[in-house]
């Protein structure tokens, strides 16, 4: 395989995490992350999964993500809700503030650029 091609694969053990307690709004979500690309210069790509819950989010980076499975709702502070299901994709820009609510365990592909 070429070192210029990144194959999205959830092989290996994920990193386990959760929202910071001060950001948690509801539930006890557990996050699993398979970070399959880290170029050492602020570019990351991989898979992220969360069980149901809701928490506040605040972005200082760019993120592109596509929902693989599950149902979530992203709500911008003072704005409308964006419902997300399998196949939906979005870009969150630096400065985005709002909430992420996982209704059904959600798996997404992501690419983040700091």
N, C-alpha and C. Protein backbone atom coordinates (compact mmCIF):
# COMPACT_ATOMS: atom_id res chain seq x y z
N UNK A 1 0.85 -1.18 0.00
CA UNK A 1 0.00 0.00 0.00
C UNK A 1 0.89 1.24 0.00
N UNK A 2 0.47 2.26 -0.70
CA UNK A 2 1.19 3.51 -0.80
C UNK A 2 1.13 4.28 0.52
N UNK A 3 2.20 5.00 0.83
CA UNK A 3 2.17 5.85 2.03
C UNK A 3 1.41 7.15 1.75
N UNK A 4 0.86 7.27 0.57
CA UNK A 4 0.07 8.45 0.19
C UNK A 4 -1.43 8.16 0.24
N UNK A 5 -1.80 6.95 0.66
CA UNK A 5 -3.21 6.57 0.75
C UNK A 5 -3.53 6.23 2.20
N UNK A 6 -4.61 6.78 2.69
CA UNK A 6 -5.08 6.47 4.04
C UNK A 6 -6.34 5.63 3.94
N UNK A 7 -6.28 4.43 4.46
CA UNK A 7 -7.44 3.54 4.46
C UNK A 7 -8.12 3.67 5.82
N UNK A 8 -9.40 4.01 5.81
CA UNK A 8 -10.15 4.14 7.06
C UNK A 8 -10.50 2.75 7.57
N UNK A 9 -9.91 2.38 8.70
CA UNK A 9 -10.04 1.05 9.27
C UNK A 9 -10.03 1.19 10.79
N UNK A 10 -11.00 0.56 11.45
CA UNK A 10 -11.07 0.65 12.90
C UNK A 10 -10.28 -0.46 13.58
N UNK A 11 -9.22 -0.94 12.97
CA UNK A 11 -8.39 -1.97 13.59
C UNK A 11 -7.70 -1.37 14.81
N UNK A 12 -7.42 -2.20 15.77
CA UNK A 12 -6.71 -1.74 16.96
C UNK A 12 -7.66 -1.26 18.04
N UNK A 13 -7.07 -0.97 19.17
CA UNK A 13 -7.84 -0.53 20.34
C UNK A 13 -8.14 0.96 20.25
N UNK A 14 -9.39 1.34 20.50
CA UNK A 14 -9.72 2.77 20.48
C UNK A 14 -9.27 3.45 21.77
N UNK A 15 -9.15 4.77 21.69
CA UNK A 15 -8.99 5.59 22.89
C UNK A 15 -10.39 5.75 23.48
N UNK A 16 -10.51 5.62 24.79
CA UNK A 16 -11.80 5.76 25.47
C UNK A 16 -11.83 7.12 26.16
N UNK A 17 -12.94 7.82 26.03
CA UNK A 17 -13.05 9.13 26.66
C UNK A 17 -14.50 9.48 26.94
N UNK A 18 -14.70 10.71 27.35
CA UNK A 18 -16.04 11.23 27.67
C UNK A 18 -15.95 12.75 27.66
N UNK A 19 -17.09 13.42 27.56
CA UNK A 19 -17.06 14.88 27.66
C UNK A 19 -16.53 15.31 29.03
N UNK A 20 -15.86 16.45 29.06
CA UNK A 20 -15.41 17.00 30.34
C UNK A 20 -16.65 17.24 31.21
N UNK A 21 -16.55 16.95 32.51
CA UNK A 21 -17.72 17.08 33.40
C UNK A 21 -18.41 18.44 33.32
N UNK A 22 -17.65 19.51 33.16
CA UNK A 22 -18.25 20.84 33.10
C UNK A 22 -19.01 21.10 31.80
N UNK A 23 -18.82 20.25 30.79
CA UNK A 23 -19.53 20.38 29.51
C UNK A 23 -20.75 19.46 29.41
N UNK A 24 -20.83 18.48 30.29
CA UNK A 24 -21.89 17.48 30.24
C UNK A 24 -23.25 18.10 30.58
N UNK A 25 -24.25 17.82 29.74
CA UNK A 25 -25.62 18.30 29.96
C UNK A 25 -26.52 17.16 30.40
N UNK A 26 -26.40 16.00 29.73
CA UNK A 26 -27.29 14.88 30.03
C UNK A 26 -26.61 13.55 29.71
N UNK A 27 -27.00 12.51 30.45
CA UNK A 27 -26.52 11.16 30.18
C UNK A 27 -25.11 10.91 30.69
N UNK A 28 -24.59 9.77 30.28
CA UNK A 28 -23.22 9.37 30.62
C UNK A 28 -22.54 8.85 29.36
N UNK A 29 -22.37 9.72 28.35
CA UNK A 29 -21.82 9.25 27.08
C UNK A 29 -20.38 8.76 27.22
N UNK A 30 -20.08 7.70 26.47
CA UNK A 30 -18.73 7.16 26.38
C UNK A 30 -18.28 7.32 24.94
N UNK A 31 -17.09 7.90 24.74
CA UNK A 31 -16.54 8.11 23.41
C UNK A 31 -15.44 7.09 23.14
N UNK A 32 -15.43 6.57 21.92
CA UNK A 32 -14.33 5.71 21.46
C UNK A 32 -13.78 6.34 20.20
N UNK A 33 -12.46 6.52 20.15
CA UNK A 33 -11.81 7.17 19.02
C UNK A 33 -10.71 6.29 18.45
N UNK A 34 -10.78 6.08 17.16
CA UNK A 34 -9.71 5.39 16.43
C UNK A 34 -9.04 6.46 15.58
N UNK A 35 -7.97 7.08 16.09
CA UNK A 35 -7.27 8.15 15.38
C UNK A 35 -6.26 7.47 14.45
N UNK A 36 -6.60 7.39 13.16
CA UNK A 36 -5.76 6.64 12.23
C UNK A 36 -4.78 7.52 11.47
N UNK A 37 -4.89 8.83 11.65
CA UNK A 37 -3.93 9.76 11.02
C UNK A 37 -3.62 10.88 12.00
N UNK A 38 -2.36 11.09 12.23
CA UNK A 38 -1.87 12.22 13.03
C UNK A 38 -0.56 12.60 12.39
N UNK A 39 -0.58 13.67 11.59
CA UNK A 39 0.62 14.03 10.83
C UNK A 39 1.64 14.81 11.66
N UNK A 40 1.34 15.05 12.93
CA UNK A 40 2.27 15.78 13.79
C UNK A 40 2.22 17.28 13.56
N UNK A 41 1.37 17.74 12.65
CA UNK A 41 1.27 19.17 12.34
C UNK A 41 -0.17 19.67 12.45
N UNK A 42 -1.02 18.89 13.16
CA UNK A 42 -2.38 19.35 13.39
C UNK A 42 -3.44 18.80 12.46
N UNK A 43 -3.12 17.73 11.74
CA UNK A 43 -4.11 17.08 10.90
C UNK A 43 -4.40 15.70 11.49
N UNK A 44 -5.69 15.43 11.73
CA UNK A 44 -6.11 14.16 12.32
C UNK A 44 -7.25 13.59 11.49
N UNK A 45 -7.34 12.27 11.43
CA UNK A 45 -8.45 11.62 10.75
C UNK A 45 -8.70 10.27 11.42
N UNK A 46 -9.94 9.83 11.37
CA UNK A 46 -10.25 8.53 11.94
C UNK A 46 -11.74 8.34 12.13
N UNK A 47 -12.07 7.52 13.12
CA UNK A 47 -13.43 7.22 13.50
C UNK A 47 -13.66 7.69 14.93
N UNK A 48 -14.86 8.13 15.20
CA UNK A 48 -15.28 8.51 16.55
C UNK A 48 -16.67 7.93 16.76
N UNK A 49 -16.90 7.40 17.95
CA UNK A 49 -18.19 6.83 18.29
C UNK A 49 -18.58 7.31 19.68
N UNK A 50 -19.87 7.58 19.86
CA UNK A 50 -20.37 7.98 21.18
C UNK A 50 -21.69 7.29 21.47
N UNK A 51 -21.84 6.92 22.75
CA UNK A 51 -23.12 6.43 23.24
C UNK A 51 -23.99 7.65 23.57
N UNK A 52 -25.30 7.46 23.80
CA UNK A 52 -26.21 8.59 24.02
C UNK A 52 -25.83 9.51 25.18
N UNK A 53 -26.13 10.77 24.96
CA UNK A 53 -25.89 11.82 25.94
C UNK A 53 -25.85 13.16 25.23
N UNK A 54 -25.64 14.23 25.99
CA UNK A 54 -25.56 15.58 25.41
C UNK A 54 -24.51 16.38 26.16
N UNK A 55 -23.75 17.20 25.40
CA UNK A 55 -22.70 18.02 25.99
C UNK A 55 -22.48 19.26 25.13
N UNK A 56 -21.88 20.27 25.75
CA UNK A 56 -21.53 21.50 25.05
C UNK A 56 -20.24 21.29 24.25
N UNK A 57 -20.21 21.86 23.04
CA UNK A 57 -19.02 21.78 22.20
C UNK A 57 -18.58 23.18 21.80
N UNK A 58 -17.29 23.32 21.59
CA UNK A 58 -16.70 24.59 21.17
C UNK A 58 -15.49 24.26 20.31
N UNK A 59 -15.49 24.71 19.07
CA UNK A 59 -14.43 24.35 18.11
C UNK A 59 -13.44 25.48 17.91
N UNK A 60 -12.17 25.15 17.97
CA UNK A 60 -11.09 26.07 17.59
C UNK A 60 -10.42 25.57 16.31
N UNK A 61 -10.88 24.43 15.82
CA UNK A 61 -10.31 23.78 14.65
C UNK A 61 -11.41 23.58 13.59
N UNK A 62 -11.00 23.17 12.39
CA UNK A 62 -11.92 22.75 11.34
C UNK A 62 -12.18 21.26 11.50
N UNK A 63 -13.42 20.84 11.34
CA UNK A 63 -13.71 19.41 11.30
C UNK A 63 -14.71 19.11 10.20
N UNK A 64 -14.36 18.16 9.35
CA UNK A 64 -15.30 17.55 8.42
C UNK A 64 -15.66 16.20 9.01
N UNK A 65 -16.94 15.86 9.04
CA UNK A 65 -17.32 14.52 9.49
C UNK A 65 -18.50 14.02 8.68
N UNK A 66 -18.57 12.69 8.58
CA UNK A 66 -19.69 12.03 7.93
C UNK A 66 -20.19 10.95 8.87
N UNK A 67 -21.50 10.95 9.08
CA UNK A 67 -22.12 9.98 9.97
C UNK A 67 -22.18 8.62 9.26
N UNK A 68 -21.67 7.60 9.93
CA UNK A 68 -21.69 6.24 9.40
C UNK A 68 -22.95 5.52 9.88
N UNK A 69 -23.27 5.70 11.17
CA UNK A 69 -24.47 5.07 11.73
C UNK A 69 -24.92 5.86 12.96
N UNK A 70 -26.17 5.65 13.34
CA UNK A 70 -26.71 6.30 14.53
C UNK A 70 -27.49 7.57 14.21
N UNK A 71 -27.88 8.26 15.28
CA UNK A 71 -28.62 9.53 15.16
C UNK A 71 -28.10 10.51 16.19
N UNK A 72 -27.80 11.70 15.73
CA UNK A 72 -27.34 12.79 16.60
C UNK A 72 -28.00 14.08 16.17
N UNK A 73 -27.94 15.07 17.05
CA UNK A 73 -28.41 16.42 16.75
C UNK A 73 -27.33 17.40 17.20
N UNK A 74 -26.89 18.25 16.28
CA UNK A 74 -25.95 19.32 16.60
C UNK A 74 -26.74 20.62 16.57
N UNK A 75 -26.61 21.41 17.63
CA UNK A 75 -27.34 22.68 17.72
C UNK A 75 -26.35 23.80 17.96
N UNK A 76 -26.36 24.78 17.06
CA UNK A 76 -25.50 25.95 17.25
C UNK A 76 -26.11 26.86 18.29
N UNK A 77 -25.26 27.44 19.12
CA UNK A 77 -25.71 28.36 20.16
C UNK A 77 -26.60 29.43 19.54
N UNK A 78 -27.85 29.50 20.01
CA UNK A 78 -28.78 30.49 19.49
C UNK A 78 -29.33 30.16 18.10
N UNK A 79 -29.05 28.95 17.60
CA UNK A 79 -29.47 28.60 16.25
C UNK A 79 -30.36 27.38 16.20
N UNK A 80 -30.59 26.92 15.00
CA UNK A 80 -31.46 25.78 14.76
C UNK A 80 -30.72 24.46 14.97
N UNK A 81 -31.49 23.41 15.19
CA UNK A 81 -30.94 22.07 15.32
C UNK A 81 -30.62 21.50 13.94
N UNK A 82 -29.56 20.70 13.86
CA UNK A 82 -29.23 19.97 12.65
C UNK A 82 -29.24 18.49 13.00
N UNK A 83 -30.24 17.77 12.48
CA UNK A 83 -30.35 16.34 12.73
C UNK A 83 -29.39 15.60 11.80
N UNK A 84 -28.70 14.60 12.33
CA UNK A 84 -27.71 13.85 11.57
C UNK A 84 -28.01 12.36 11.64
N UNK A 85 -28.03 11.71 10.48
CA UNK A 85 -28.19 10.26 10.39
C UNK A 85 -27.19 9.73 9.37
N UNK A 86 -27.13 8.42 9.22
CA UNK A 86 -26.16 7.79 8.33
C UNK A 86 -26.15 8.44 6.95
N UNK A 87 -24.95 8.79 6.49
CA UNK A 87 -24.77 9.42 5.19
C UNK A 87 -24.66 10.93 5.25
N UNK A 88 -25.16 11.56 6.32
CA UNK A 88 -25.07 13.01 6.44
C UNK A 88 -23.63 13.43 6.72
N UNK A 89 -23.26 14.59 6.19
CA UNK A 89 -21.91 15.13 6.40
C UNK A 89 -22.02 16.60 6.75
N UNK A 90 -21.04 17.09 7.50
CA UNK A 90 -21.03 18.50 7.85
C UNK A 90 -19.61 18.97 8.10
N UNK A 91 -19.45 20.28 8.07
CA UNK A 91 -18.19 20.92 8.43
C UNK A 91 -18.49 21.84 9.60
N UNK A 92 -17.71 21.68 10.68
CA UNK A 92 -17.78 22.59 11.82
C UNK A 92 -16.55 23.48 11.73
N UNK A 93 -16.77 24.78 11.75
CA UNK A 93 -15.68 25.75 11.56
C UNK A 93 -15.18 26.26 12.91
N UNK A 94 -13.94 26.78 12.92
CA UNK A 94 -13.44 27.39 14.15
C UNK A 94 -14.41 28.47 14.64
N UNK A 95 -14.65 28.49 15.93
CA UNK A 95 -15.58 29.45 16.52
C UNK A 95 -16.98 28.89 16.75
N UNK A 96 -17.26 27.68 16.21
CA UNK A 96 -18.57 27.07 16.42
C UNK A 96 -18.75 26.76 17.89
N UNK A 97 -19.91 27.14 18.43
CA UNK A 97 -20.29 26.81 19.81
C UNK A 97 -21.71 26.29 19.79
N UNK A 98 -21.95 25.27 20.59
CA UNK A 98 -23.29 24.72 20.66
C UNK A 98 -23.31 23.44 21.47
N UNK A 99 -24.18 22.51 21.05
CA UNK A 99 -24.29 21.23 21.75
C UNK A 99 -24.29 20.09 20.74
N UNK A 100 -23.84 18.93 21.22
CA UNK A 100 -23.93 17.68 20.45
C UNK A 100 -24.75 16.73 21.30
N UNK A 101 -25.86 16.25 20.74
CA UNK A 101 -26.72 15.30 21.44
C UNK A 101 -26.78 14.01 20.64
N UNK A 102 -26.34 12.92 21.24
CA UNK A 102 -26.41 11.60 20.62
C UNK A 102 -27.70 10.94 21.07
N UNK A 103 -28.56 10.65 20.11
CA UNK A 103 -29.84 10.01 20.39
C UNK A 103 -29.68 8.49 20.35
N UNK A 104 -29.03 8.00 19.29
CA UNK A 104 -28.67 6.59 19.14
C UNK A 104 -27.17 6.55 18.93
N UNK A 105 -26.48 5.60 19.55
CA UNK A 105 -25.03 5.51 19.43
C UNK A 105 -24.63 5.87 18.01
N UNK A 106 -23.72 6.84 17.91
CA UNK A 106 -23.33 7.42 16.63
C UNK A 106 -21.87 7.13 16.33
N UNK A 107 -21.62 6.72 15.09
CA UNK A 107 -20.26 6.50 14.58
C UNK A 107 -20.06 7.46 13.42
N UNK A 108 -18.93 8.17 13.42
CA UNK A 108 -18.62 9.09 12.32
C UNK A 108 -17.17 8.92 11.88
N UNK A 109 -16.92 9.24 10.59
CA UNK A 109 -15.57 9.46 10.08
C UNK A 109 -15.28 10.94 10.35
N UNK A 110 -14.05 11.27 10.63
CA UNK A 110 -13.72 12.69 10.79
C UNK A 110 -12.35 13.01 10.22
N UNK A 111 -12.20 14.27 9.81
CA UNK A 111 -10.91 14.85 9.46
C UNK A 111 -10.88 16.20 10.16
N UNK A 112 -9.86 16.41 10.98
CA UNK A 112 -9.71 17.64 11.75
C UNK A 112 -8.42 18.34 11.35
N UNK A 113 -8.47 19.64 11.18
CA UNK A 113 -7.28 20.44 10.90
C UNK A 113 -7.23 21.58 11.91
N UNK A 114 -6.15 21.60 12.71
CA UNK A 114 -5.98 22.66 13.70
C UNK A 114 -5.56 23.94 13.03
